[in-house]
N, C-alpha and C. Protein backbone atom coordinates (compact mmCIF):
# COMPACT_ATOMS: atom_id res chain seq x y z
N MET A 1 -13.95 10.98 23.81
CA MET A 1 -12.71 10.23 23.90
C MET A 1 -12.30 9.78 22.50
N THR A 2 -11.04 9.95 22.17
CA THR A 2 -10.51 9.57 20.88
C THR A 2 -10.18 8.09 20.85
N GLN A 3 -10.60 7.43 19.77
CA GLN A 3 -10.27 6.02 19.62
C GLN A 3 -8.81 5.88 19.20
N PRO A 4 -8.12 4.86 19.74
CA PRO A 4 -6.74 4.64 19.30
C PRO A 4 -6.73 4.14 17.85
N ALA A 5 -5.64 4.38 17.17
CA ALA A 5 -5.49 3.90 15.80
C ALA A 5 -5.47 2.38 15.79
N ILE A 6 -6.05 1.83 14.75
CA ILE A 6 -6.07 0.37 14.59
C ILE A 6 -4.96 -0.01 13.62
N PHE A 7 -4.20 -1.01 13.98
CA PHE A 7 -3.23 -1.59 13.06
C PHE A 7 -3.21 -3.09 13.30
N ASN A 8 -3.76 -3.84 12.37
CA ASN A 8 -3.77 -5.30 12.45
C ASN A 8 -3.01 -5.85 11.25
N PHE A 9 -2.17 -6.83 11.50
CA PHE A 9 -1.40 -7.50 10.46
C PHE A 9 -1.56 -8.99 10.70
N ASN A 10 -2.32 -9.66 9.85
CA ASN A 10 -2.68 -11.05 10.08
C ASN A 10 -2.23 -11.90 8.91
N VAL A 11 -1.31 -12.81 9.17
CA VAL A 11 -0.83 -13.76 8.16
C VAL A 11 -1.60 -15.05 8.34
N GLN A 12 -2.26 -15.49 7.28
CA GLN A 12 -2.98 -16.76 7.28
C GLN A 12 -2.28 -17.68 6.28
N LYS A 13 -1.24 -18.33 6.75
CA LYS A 13 -0.38 -19.11 5.87
C LYS A 13 -1.15 -20.22 5.16
N GLU A 14 -2.03 -20.91 5.87
CA GLU A 14 -2.78 -22.01 5.26
C GLU A 14 -3.67 -21.52 4.12
N ALA A 15 -4.18 -20.30 4.26
CA ALA A 15 -5.04 -19.72 3.23
C ALA A 15 -4.23 -18.91 2.21
N SER A 16 -2.93 -18.81 2.43
CA SER A 16 -2.03 -18.04 1.56
C SER A 16 -2.47 -16.59 1.42
N THR A 17 -2.86 -15.98 2.54
CA THR A 17 -3.29 -14.58 2.52
C THR A 17 -2.64 -13.79 3.66
N ILE A 18 -2.57 -12.51 3.44
CA ILE A 18 -2.19 -11.55 4.47
C ILE A 18 -3.29 -10.49 4.49
N THR A 19 -3.78 -10.17 5.67
CA THR A 19 -4.76 -9.10 5.83
C THR A 19 -4.14 -8.01 6.69
N VAL A 20 -4.16 -6.79 6.16
CA VAL A 20 -3.63 -5.64 6.89
C VAL A 20 -4.77 -4.65 7.03
N GLU A 21 -5.03 -4.24 8.28
CA GLU A 21 -6.05 -3.22 8.55
C GLU A 21 -5.37 -2.07 9.26
N ARG A 22 -5.71 -0.88 8.80
CA ARG A 22 -5.10 0.31 9.38
C ARG A 22 -6.13 1.43 9.40
N SER A 23 -6.27 2.07 10.55
CA SER A 23 -7.18 3.22 10.64
C SER A 23 -6.36 4.50 10.63
N PHE A 24 -6.96 5.54 10.08
CA PHE A 24 -6.34 6.86 10.03
C PHE A 24 -7.33 7.88 10.57
N LYS A 25 -6.89 8.73 11.45
CA LYS A 25 -7.75 9.78 11.98
C LYS A 25 -7.78 10.91 10.95
N ALA A 26 -8.52 10.64 9.89
CA ALA A 26 -8.60 11.55 8.76
C ALA A 26 -9.83 11.18 7.93
N PRO A 27 -10.34 12.13 7.17
CA PRO A 27 -11.47 11.82 6.29
C PRO A 27 -11.03 10.92 5.14
N LEU A 28 -11.99 10.34 4.49
CA LEU A 28 -11.74 9.40 3.40
C LEU A 28 -10.96 10.00 2.24
N ASP A 29 -11.29 11.22 1.82
CA ASP A 29 -10.68 11.79 0.61
C ASP A 29 -9.15 11.79 0.64
N PRO A 30 -8.51 12.34 1.67
CA PRO A 30 -7.04 12.33 1.63
C PRO A 30 -6.43 10.95 1.82
N VAL A 31 -7.11 10.05 2.52
CA VAL A 31 -6.59 8.68 2.65
C VAL A 31 -6.65 7.98 1.29
N TRP A 32 -7.76 8.13 0.59
CA TRP A 32 -7.88 7.56 -0.76
C TRP A 32 -6.79 8.16 -1.67
N ALA A 33 -6.57 9.46 -1.56
CA ALA A 33 -5.55 10.13 -2.38
C ALA A 33 -4.16 9.57 -2.10
N ALA A 34 -3.89 9.20 -0.85
CA ALA A 34 -2.58 8.66 -0.50
C ALA A 34 -2.28 7.35 -1.22
N TRP A 35 -3.34 6.66 -1.66
CA TRP A 35 -3.19 5.39 -2.39
C TRP A 35 -3.33 5.54 -3.90
N THR A 36 -3.86 6.67 -4.35
CA THR A 36 -4.23 6.77 -5.77
C THR A 36 -3.59 7.92 -6.53
N GLU A 37 -2.95 8.84 -5.84
CA GLU A 37 -2.32 9.99 -6.50
C GLU A 37 -0.80 9.86 -6.39
N ALA A 38 -0.13 9.91 -7.54
CA ALA A 38 1.30 9.64 -7.61
C ALA A 38 2.13 10.51 -6.68
N ASP A 39 1.83 11.80 -6.60
CA ASP A 39 2.67 12.68 -5.80
C ASP A 39 2.61 12.38 -4.31
N ILE A 40 1.53 11.77 -3.85
CA ILE A 40 1.43 11.39 -2.44
C ILE A 40 1.92 9.95 -2.25
N LEU A 41 1.48 9.06 -3.11
CA LEU A 41 1.82 7.64 -3.00
C LEU A 41 3.33 7.42 -2.98
N CYS A 42 4.06 8.13 -3.83
CA CYS A 42 5.50 7.90 -3.91
C CYS A 42 6.24 8.38 -2.66
N GLN A 43 5.58 9.16 -1.81
CA GLN A 43 6.24 9.65 -0.59
C GLN A 43 6.34 8.59 0.50
N TRP A 44 5.48 7.58 0.45
CA TRP A 44 5.48 6.61 1.54
C TRP A 44 5.61 5.16 1.10
N TRP A 45 5.53 4.88 -0.18
CA TRP A 45 5.42 3.48 -0.61
C TRP A 45 6.65 2.63 -0.31
N ALA A 46 7.83 3.07 -0.63
CA ALA A 46 9.03 2.23 -0.50
C ALA A 46 9.52 2.17 0.94
N PRO A 47 10.04 1.00 1.35
CA PRO A 47 10.61 0.93 2.70
C PRO A 47 11.90 1.74 2.77
N LYS A 48 12.10 2.45 3.87
CA LYS A 48 13.31 3.25 4.05
C LYS A 48 14.53 2.33 4.10
N PRO A 49 15.63 2.67 3.50
CA PRO A 49 16.01 3.96 2.93
C PRO A 49 15.70 4.09 1.44
N TYR A 50 14.88 3.21 0.90
CA TYR A 50 14.53 3.27 -0.52
C TYR A 50 13.56 4.41 -0.79
N GLN A 51 13.56 4.86 -2.04
CA GLN A 51 12.60 5.86 -2.50
C GLN A 51 11.80 5.27 -3.64
N CYS A 52 10.53 5.61 -3.68
CA CYS A 52 9.67 5.18 -4.77
C CYS A 52 9.72 6.23 -5.88
N VAL A 53 9.96 5.78 -7.09
CA VAL A 53 9.96 6.65 -8.25
C VAL A 53 8.94 6.10 -9.24
N ILE A 54 7.94 6.89 -9.54
CA ILE A 54 6.85 6.44 -10.39
C ILE A 54 7.10 6.84 -11.83
N LYS A 55 7.12 5.85 -12.71
CA LYS A 55 7.25 6.11 -14.14
C LYS A 55 5.89 6.47 -14.72
N SER A 56 4.84 5.72 -14.31
CA SER A 56 3.49 6.03 -14.76
C SER A 56 2.49 5.48 -13.75
N LEU A 57 1.35 6.17 -13.64
CA LEU A 57 0.27 5.71 -12.77
C LEU A 57 -1.04 6.01 -13.49
N ASP A 58 -1.69 4.97 -13.97
CA ASP A 58 -2.96 5.07 -14.67
C ASP A 58 -4.00 4.38 -13.81
N PHE A 59 -4.53 5.14 -12.82
CA PHE A 59 -5.44 4.55 -11.84
C PHE A 59 -6.85 4.47 -12.41
N ARG A 60 -7.13 3.35 -13.03
CA ARG A 60 -8.46 3.03 -13.59
C ARG A 60 -8.49 1.54 -13.85
N GLU A 61 -9.68 1.00 -14.05
CA GLU A 61 -9.78 -0.41 -14.41
C GLU A 61 -9.00 -0.64 -15.71
N GLY A 62 -8.13 -1.62 -15.69
CA GLY A 62 -7.29 -1.89 -16.85
C GLY A 62 -6.02 -1.06 -16.89
N GLY A 63 -5.85 -0.14 -15.94
CA GLY A 63 -4.66 0.71 -15.90
C GLY A 63 -3.50 0.03 -15.19
N ARG A 64 -2.38 0.69 -15.24
CA ARG A 64 -1.17 0.13 -14.64
C ARG A 64 -0.38 1.23 -13.92
N TRP A 65 0.20 0.83 -12.79
CA TRP A 65 1.15 1.66 -12.05
C TRP A 65 2.52 1.01 -12.25
N LEU A 66 3.45 1.72 -12.86
CA LEU A 66 4.80 1.22 -13.09
C LEU A 66 5.76 2.12 -12.33
N TYR A 67 6.59 1.51 -11.48
CA TYR A 67 7.48 2.28 -10.61
C TYR A 67 8.70 1.45 -10.27
N TYR A 68 9.68 2.11 -9.66
CA TYR A 68 10.79 1.38 -9.09
C TYR A 68 11.10 1.93 -7.72
N MET A 69 11.73 1.07 -6.92
CA MET A 69 12.23 1.47 -5.62
C MET A 69 13.74 1.60 -5.78
N GLN A 70 14.26 2.77 -5.47
CA GLN A 70 15.69 3.03 -5.64
C GLN A 70 16.37 3.11 -4.29
N GLY A 71 17.45 2.35 -4.16
CA GLY A 71 18.21 2.32 -2.92
C GLY A 71 19.25 3.42 -2.87
N PRO A 72 19.86 3.61 -1.73
CA PRO A 72 20.85 4.67 -1.56
C PRO A 72 22.09 4.49 -2.44
N GLU A 73 22.35 3.27 -2.88
CA GLU A 73 23.48 3.00 -3.77
C GLU A 73 23.09 3.09 -5.24
N GLY A 74 21.83 3.47 -5.52
CA GLY A 74 21.37 3.61 -6.90
C GLY A 74 20.74 2.36 -7.48
N ASP A 75 20.65 1.28 -6.71
CA ASP A 75 20.01 0.06 -7.20
C ASP A 75 18.52 0.31 -7.39
N ARG A 76 17.96 -0.30 -8.43
CA ARG A 76 16.55 -0.11 -8.76
C ARG A 76 15.83 -1.46 -8.80
N HIS A 77 14.66 -1.48 -8.20
CA HIS A 77 13.81 -2.68 -8.18
C HIS A 77 12.47 -2.29 -8.79
N TRP A 78 12.27 -2.68 -10.03
CA TRP A 78 11.06 -2.31 -10.77
C TRP A 78 9.89 -3.19 -10.37
N CYS A 79 8.71 -2.58 -10.34
CA CYS A 79 7.48 -3.28 -9.99
C CYS A 79 6.32 -2.68 -10.79
N TYR A 80 5.25 -3.44 -10.89
CA TYR A 80 4.02 -2.89 -11.47
C TYR A 80 2.83 -3.35 -10.65
N PHE A 81 1.75 -2.63 -10.80
CA PHE A 81 0.45 -3.01 -10.25
C PHE A 81 -0.56 -2.82 -11.35
N ASP A 82 -1.25 -3.90 -11.73
CA ASP A 82 -2.31 -3.84 -12.74
C ASP A 82 -3.66 -3.74 -12.04
N TYR A 83 -4.37 -2.64 -12.29
CA TYR A 83 -5.68 -2.42 -11.67
C TYR A 83 -6.74 -3.20 -12.41
N GLU A 84 -7.47 -4.03 -11.67
CA GLU A 84 -8.53 -4.85 -12.26
C GLU A 84 -9.91 -4.25 -12.03
N ALA A 85 -10.17 -3.81 -10.82
CA ALA A 85 -11.46 -3.19 -10.48
C ALA A 85 -11.18 -1.92 -9.68
N VAL A 86 -11.96 -0.88 -9.96
CA VAL A 86 -11.85 0.37 -9.21
C VAL A 86 -13.27 0.89 -8.94
N ARG A 87 -13.58 1.04 -7.66
CA ARG A 87 -14.82 1.69 -7.25
C ARG A 87 -14.40 2.89 -6.41
N PRO A 88 -14.49 4.09 -6.99
CA PRO A 88 -13.92 5.29 -6.35
C PRO A 88 -14.27 5.42 -4.87
N LYS A 89 -13.21 5.66 -4.10
CA LYS A 89 -13.26 5.94 -2.68
C LYS A 89 -13.80 4.80 -1.83
N THR A 90 -13.92 3.58 -2.42
CA THR A 90 -14.35 2.44 -1.62
C THR A 90 -13.52 1.19 -1.83
N TYR A 91 -12.98 0.98 -3.06
CA TYR A 91 -12.37 -0.32 -3.34
C TYR A 91 -11.52 -0.27 -4.60
N PHE A 92 -10.42 -0.99 -4.58
CA PHE A 92 -9.72 -1.33 -5.81
C PHE A 92 -9.07 -2.69 -5.64
N SER A 93 -8.85 -3.36 -6.75
CA SER A 93 -8.17 -4.65 -6.73
C SER A 93 -7.26 -4.74 -7.93
N GLY A 94 -6.35 -5.69 -7.86
CA GLY A 94 -5.43 -5.90 -8.96
C GLY A 94 -4.32 -6.84 -8.54
N SER A 95 -3.26 -6.85 -9.32
CA SER A 95 -2.14 -7.72 -9.01
C SER A 95 -0.83 -6.98 -9.26
N ASP A 96 0.19 -7.41 -8.50
CA ASP A 96 1.49 -6.77 -8.66
C ASP A 96 2.56 -7.83 -8.85
N ALA A 97 3.70 -7.36 -9.36
CA ALA A 97 4.85 -8.25 -9.57
C ALA A 97 6.09 -7.40 -9.72
N PHE A 98 7.22 -8.01 -9.47
CA PHE A 98 8.49 -7.38 -9.83
C PHE A 98 8.65 -7.54 -11.33
N CYS A 99 9.32 -6.58 -11.96
CA CYS A 99 9.40 -6.58 -13.41
C CYS A 99 10.66 -5.87 -13.87
N ASP A 100 10.81 -5.75 -15.19
CA ASP A 100 11.90 -4.93 -15.71
C ASP A 100 11.38 -3.53 -15.96
N GLU A 101 12.21 -2.64 -16.47
CA GLU A 101 11.82 -1.24 -16.67
C GLU A 101 10.73 -1.05 -17.72
N HIS A 102 10.43 -2.12 -18.48
CA HIS A 102 9.37 -2.06 -19.48
C HIS A 102 8.06 -2.66 -18.97
N GLY A 103 8.06 -3.12 -17.72
CA GLY A 103 6.86 -3.68 -17.12
C GLY A 103 6.65 -5.15 -17.43
N VAL A 104 7.69 -5.85 -17.86
CA VAL A 104 7.60 -7.29 -18.12
C VAL A 104 7.95 -8.02 -16.84
N ALA A 105 6.99 -8.82 -16.34
CA ALA A 105 7.16 -9.51 -15.06
C ALA A 105 8.36 -10.44 -15.10
N ASN A 106 9.01 -10.58 -13.94
CA ASN A 106 10.10 -11.53 -13.82
C ASN A 106 9.78 -12.50 -12.69
N SER A 107 10.68 -13.43 -12.44
CA SER A 107 10.41 -14.46 -11.43
C SER A 107 11.19 -14.24 -10.14
N ILE A 108 11.65 -13.01 -9.90
CA ILE A 108 12.39 -12.71 -8.66
C ILE A 108 11.51 -13.00 -7.45
N LYS A 109 10.30 -12.52 -7.47
CA LYS A 109 9.33 -12.76 -6.40
C LYS A 109 8.00 -13.12 -7.06
N PRO A 110 7.12 -13.80 -6.33
CA PRO A 110 5.84 -14.21 -6.93
C PRO A 110 4.88 -13.03 -7.13
N LYS A 111 3.94 -13.23 -8.03
CA LYS A 111 2.87 -12.26 -8.27
C LYS A 111 1.89 -12.33 -7.08
N VAL A 112 1.32 -11.18 -6.73
CA VAL A 112 0.39 -11.10 -5.60
C VAL A 112 -0.88 -10.39 -6.05
N SER A 113 -2.04 -10.95 -5.70
CA SER A 113 -3.32 -10.29 -5.98
C SER A 113 -3.75 -9.53 -4.73
N TRP A 114 -4.28 -8.32 -4.95
CA TRP A 114 -4.65 -7.42 -3.86
C TRP A 114 -6.13 -7.06 -3.93
N GLU A 115 -6.72 -6.85 -2.77
CA GLU A 115 -8.05 -6.22 -2.65
C GLU A 115 -7.91 -5.15 -1.58
N ALA A 116 -8.30 -3.94 -1.89
CA ALA A 116 -8.21 -2.82 -0.95
C ALA A 116 -9.59 -2.23 -0.74
N THR A 117 -10.01 -2.13 0.51
CA THR A 117 -11.31 -1.58 0.86
C THR A 117 -11.10 -0.37 1.77
N PHE A 118 -11.83 0.70 1.48
CA PHE A 118 -11.74 1.96 2.24
C PHE A 118 -13.12 2.27 2.80
N SER A 119 -13.19 2.58 4.09
CA SER A 119 -14.48 2.95 4.68
C SER A 119 -14.27 4.06 5.69
N GLU A 120 -15.18 5.03 5.65
CA GLU A 120 -15.08 6.19 6.53
C GLU A 120 -16.04 6.02 7.69
N GLY A 121 -15.50 6.21 8.88
CA GLY A 121 -16.31 6.20 10.09
C GLY A 121 -16.47 7.60 10.62
N LYS A 122 -16.95 7.69 11.86
CA LYS A 122 -17.19 9.01 12.46
C LYS A 122 -15.93 9.86 12.55
N ASP A 123 -14.85 9.30 13.08
CA ASP A 123 -13.63 10.07 13.30
C ASP A 123 -12.41 9.48 12.59
N GLN A 124 -12.62 8.51 11.72
CA GLN A 124 -11.47 7.87 11.10
C GLN A 124 -11.85 7.19 9.79
N THR A 125 -10.83 6.84 9.04
CA THR A 125 -11.00 6.06 7.82
C THR A 125 -10.24 4.77 7.99
N MET A 126 -10.89 3.66 7.65
CA MET A 126 -10.27 2.34 7.76
C MET A 126 -9.85 1.87 6.37
N VAL A 127 -8.62 1.37 6.27
CA VAL A 127 -8.13 0.76 5.05
C VAL A 127 -7.88 -0.71 5.37
N ARG A 128 -8.44 -1.58 4.53
CA ARG A 128 -8.27 -3.03 4.71
C ARG A 128 -7.71 -3.61 3.42
N MET A 129 -6.53 -4.19 3.52
CA MET A 129 -5.88 -4.81 2.37
C MET A 129 -5.86 -6.31 2.57
N VAL A 130 -6.27 -7.06 1.56
CA VAL A 130 -6.14 -8.51 1.59
C VAL A 130 -5.26 -8.90 0.41
N LEU A 131 -4.15 -9.55 0.71
CA LEU A 131 -3.20 -9.99 -0.30
C LEU A 131 -3.34 -11.50 -0.46
N HIS A 132 -3.53 -11.94 -1.70
CA HIS A 132 -3.72 -13.35 -2.00
C HIS A 132 -2.49 -13.88 -2.75
N PHE A 133 -1.94 -14.96 -2.25
CA PHE A 133 -0.78 -15.61 -2.86
C PHE A 133 -1.22 -16.94 -3.46
N ASP A 134 -0.49 -17.42 -4.45
CA ASP A 134 -0.82 -18.71 -5.07
C ASP A 134 -0.55 -19.88 -4.14
N SER A 135 0.38 -19.72 -3.21
CA SER A 135 0.74 -20.82 -2.31
C SER A 135 1.37 -20.27 -1.04
N PRO A 136 1.42 -21.09 0.02
CA PRO A 136 2.12 -20.65 1.23
C PRO A 136 3.60 -20.38 0.96
N GLU A 137 4.18 -21.10 0.02
CA GLU A 137 5.59 -20.88 -0.32
C GLU A 137 5.79 -19.50 -0.95
N ASP A 138 4.84 -19.08 -1.79
CA ASP A 138 4.91 -17.73 -2.37
C ASP A 138 4.80 -16.68 -1.27
N LEU A 139 3.89 -16.90 -0.34
CA LEU A 139 3.75 -15.97 0.79
C LEU A 139 5.06 -15.86 1.55
N ASP A 140 5.74 -17.00 1.78
CA ASP A 140 7.01 -16.99 2.51
C ASP A 140 8.10 -16.22 1.79
N GLN A 141 8.03 -16.13 0.46
CA GLN A 141 9.03 -15.36 -0.28
C GLN A 141 8.85 -13.87 -0.06
N ILE A 142 7.62 -13.44 0.16
CA ILE A 142 7.34 -12.01 0.33
C ILE A 142 7.47 -11.59 1.78
N VAL A 143 6.99 -12.40 2.67
CA VAL A 143 7.02 -12.05 4.09
C VAL A 143 7.79 -13.12 4.85
N PRO A 144 9.07 -12.85 5.15
CA PRO A 144 9.83 -13.82 5.94
C PRO A 144 9.13 -14.04 7.28
N MET A 145 9.00 -15.29 7.64
CA MET A 145 8.28 -15.62 8.86
C MET A 145 9.25 -15.97 9.98
N ALA A 146 8.95 -15.47 11.16
CA ALA A 146 9.74 -15.80 12.35
C ALA A 146 8.77 -15.98 13.50
N SER A 147 8.65 -17.17 13.98
CA SER A 147 7.74 -17.49 15.09
C SER A 147 6.31 -17.09 14.77
N GLY A 148 5.91 -17.22 13.50
CA GLY A 148 4.54 -16.93 13.12
C GLY A 148 4.22 -15.46 12.99
N LYS A 149 5.22 -14.58 13.10
CA LYS A 149 4.97 -13.14 12.99
C LYS A 149 5.68 -12.57 11.78
N ALA A 150 5.11 -11.55 11.21
CA ALA A 150 5.69 -10.94 10.02
C ALA A 150 6.90 -10.10 10.37
N SER A 151 7.78 -9.97 9.42
CA SER A 151 8.99 -9.18 9.62
C SER A 151 8.67 -7.70 9.65
N PRO A 152 9.51 -6.88 10.25
CA PRO A 152 9.30 -5.42 10.23
C PRO A 152 9.26 -4.86 8.82
N TRP A 153 10.00 -5.47 7.88
CA TRP A 153 9.98 -4.98 6.49
C TRP A 153 8.56 -4.97 5.95
N ALA A 154 7.84 -6.04 6.20
CA ALA A 154 6.48 -6.13 5.68
C ALA A 154 5.59 -5.04 6.28
N LEU A 155 5.80 -4.72 7.52
CA LEU A 155 4.97 -3.72 8.17
C LEU A 155 5.17 -2.34 7.56
N THR A 156 6.37 -2.04 7.09
CA THR A 156 6.61 -0.72 6.54
C THR A 156 6.34 -0.63 5.05
N ASN A 157 6.11 -1.74 4.38
CA ASN A 157 5.97 -1.68 2.93
C ASN A 157 4.52 -1.57 2.47
N TRP A 158 3.54 -2.01 3.23
CA TRP A 158 2.18 -2.06 2.70
C TRP A 158 1.24 -0.99 3.22
N MET A 159 1.66 -0.23 4.14
CA MET A 159 0.86 0.89 4.64
C MET A 159 1.84 1.94 5.13
N PRO A 160 1.47 3.20 5.07
CA PRO A 160 2.39 4.20 5.60
C PRO A 160 2.43 4.09 7.12
N CYS A 161 3.39 3.33 7.63
CA CYS A 161 3.34 3.09 9.07
C CYS A 161 4.66 3.31 9.79
N SER A 162 5.76 3.54 9.10
CA SER A 162 6.94 3.93 9.84
C SER A 162 6.71 5.37 10.32
N ARG A 163 7.34 5.77 11.37
CA ARG A 163 7.07 7.10 11.94
C ARG A 163 7.29 8.22 10.91
N PRO A 164 8.42 8.27 10.19
CA PRO A 164 8.57 9.35 9.21
C PRO A 164 7.51 9.31 8.11
N GLN A 165 7.16 8.11 7.66
CA GLN A 165 6.13 7.99 6.62
C GLN A 165 4.78 8.48 7.14
N LEU A 166 4.44 8.08 8.36
CA LEU A 166 3.17 8.52 8.94
C LEU A 166 3.14 10.03 9.10
N LEU A 167 4.25 10.60 9.54
CA LEU A 167 4.28 12.05 9.71
C LEU A 167 4.11 12.76 8.38
N ASP A 168 4.74 12.26 7.32
CA ASP A 168 4.58 12.86 6.00
C ASP A 168 3.13 12.81 5.54
N VAL A 169 2.51 11.62 5.66
CA VAL A 169 1.12 11.47 5.25
C VAL A 169 0.21 12.30 6.15
N ARG A 170 0.46 12.27 7.47
CA ARG A 170 -0.34 13.05 8.41
C ARG A 170 -0.27 14.54 8.07
N ASN A 171 0.92 15.04 7.74
CA ASN A 171 1.06 16.45 7.36
C ASN A 171 0.21 16.76 6.14
N GLN A 172 0.19 15.88 5.17
CA GLN A 172 -0.62 16.10 3.98
C GLN A 172 -2.11 16.06 4.32
N LEU A 173 -2.48 15.15 5.22
CA LEU A 173 -3.89 15.09 5.63
C LEU A 173 -4.30 16.38 6.34
N HIS A 174 -3.42 16.88 7.22
CA HIS A 174 -3.72 18.15 7.91
C HIS A 174 -3.81 19.31 6.92
N GLN A 175 -2.93 19.34 5.94
CA GLN A 175 -2.98 20.39 4.92
C GLN A 175 -4.31 20.33 4.19
N TYR A 176 -4.76 19.12 3.89
CA TYR A 176 -6.04 18.94 3.21
C TYR A 176 -7.17 19.47 4.09
N GLU A 177 -7.15 19.07 5.36
CA GLU A 177 -8.23 19.49 6.26
C GLU A 177 -8.27 21.01 6.41
N HIS A 178 -7.12 21.68 6.44
CA HIS A 178 -7.09 23.13 6.55
C HIS A 178 -7.51 23.80 5.25
N ALA A 179 -7.17 23.20 4.14
CA ALA A 179 -7.53 23.77 2.83
C ALA A 179 -9.03 23.59 2.55
N TYR A 180 -9.62 22.50 3.06
CA TYR A 180 -11.03 22.19 2.79
C TYR A 180 -11.77 21.93 4.09
N PRO A 181 -11.98 22.98 4.90
CA PRO A 181 -12.60 22.76 6.22
C PRO A 181 -14.02 22.20 6.16
N GLY A 182 -14.72 22.43 5.10
CA GLY A 182 -16.11 21.90 4.99
C GLY A 182 -16.18 20.67 4.12
N HIS A 183 -15.17 19.82 4.13
CA HIS A 183 -15.07 18.69 3.20
C HIS A 183 -16.11 17.62 3.42
N ARG A 184 -16.73 17.53 4.58
CA ARG A 184 -17.67 16.43 4.84
C ARG A 184 -19.06 16.77 4.35
């Protein structure tokens, strides 16, 4: 019997954290690649109808990912992610912020610290993201709250979880599995 996919989104306002857990019926390698390789990451990162455009991605401790989300009218929202710790195929951490095209942080939205953990099970890979905010007010700026539940925007921005995004990532995972049948 196949286990259903796990998707948990837990806002802990008092602790100023958000925890997102998502399982993928795929091996660890392509799931890790979806978070660490520019050509895959940019396919699902931005909420629709925005597109993610990556200027640079230096995935290593001390590296930086600089990108913008471009809207259908051509508007651009620049962001960066500074990688602090990287343990291949198991963990990375760092912080992100909105910025200008040169990577200089601005005060449009607060800075967020991230911890990402990846673990492979028998038939799936689990991704667990913990986002740390400086205050509950900072958390409220990123995730509008309504009756204690997160907005749909938040659900589509931190994991490939809208149907088109999932299908794109799933297609890439299937291509990987067919290209490397003995990957385990």
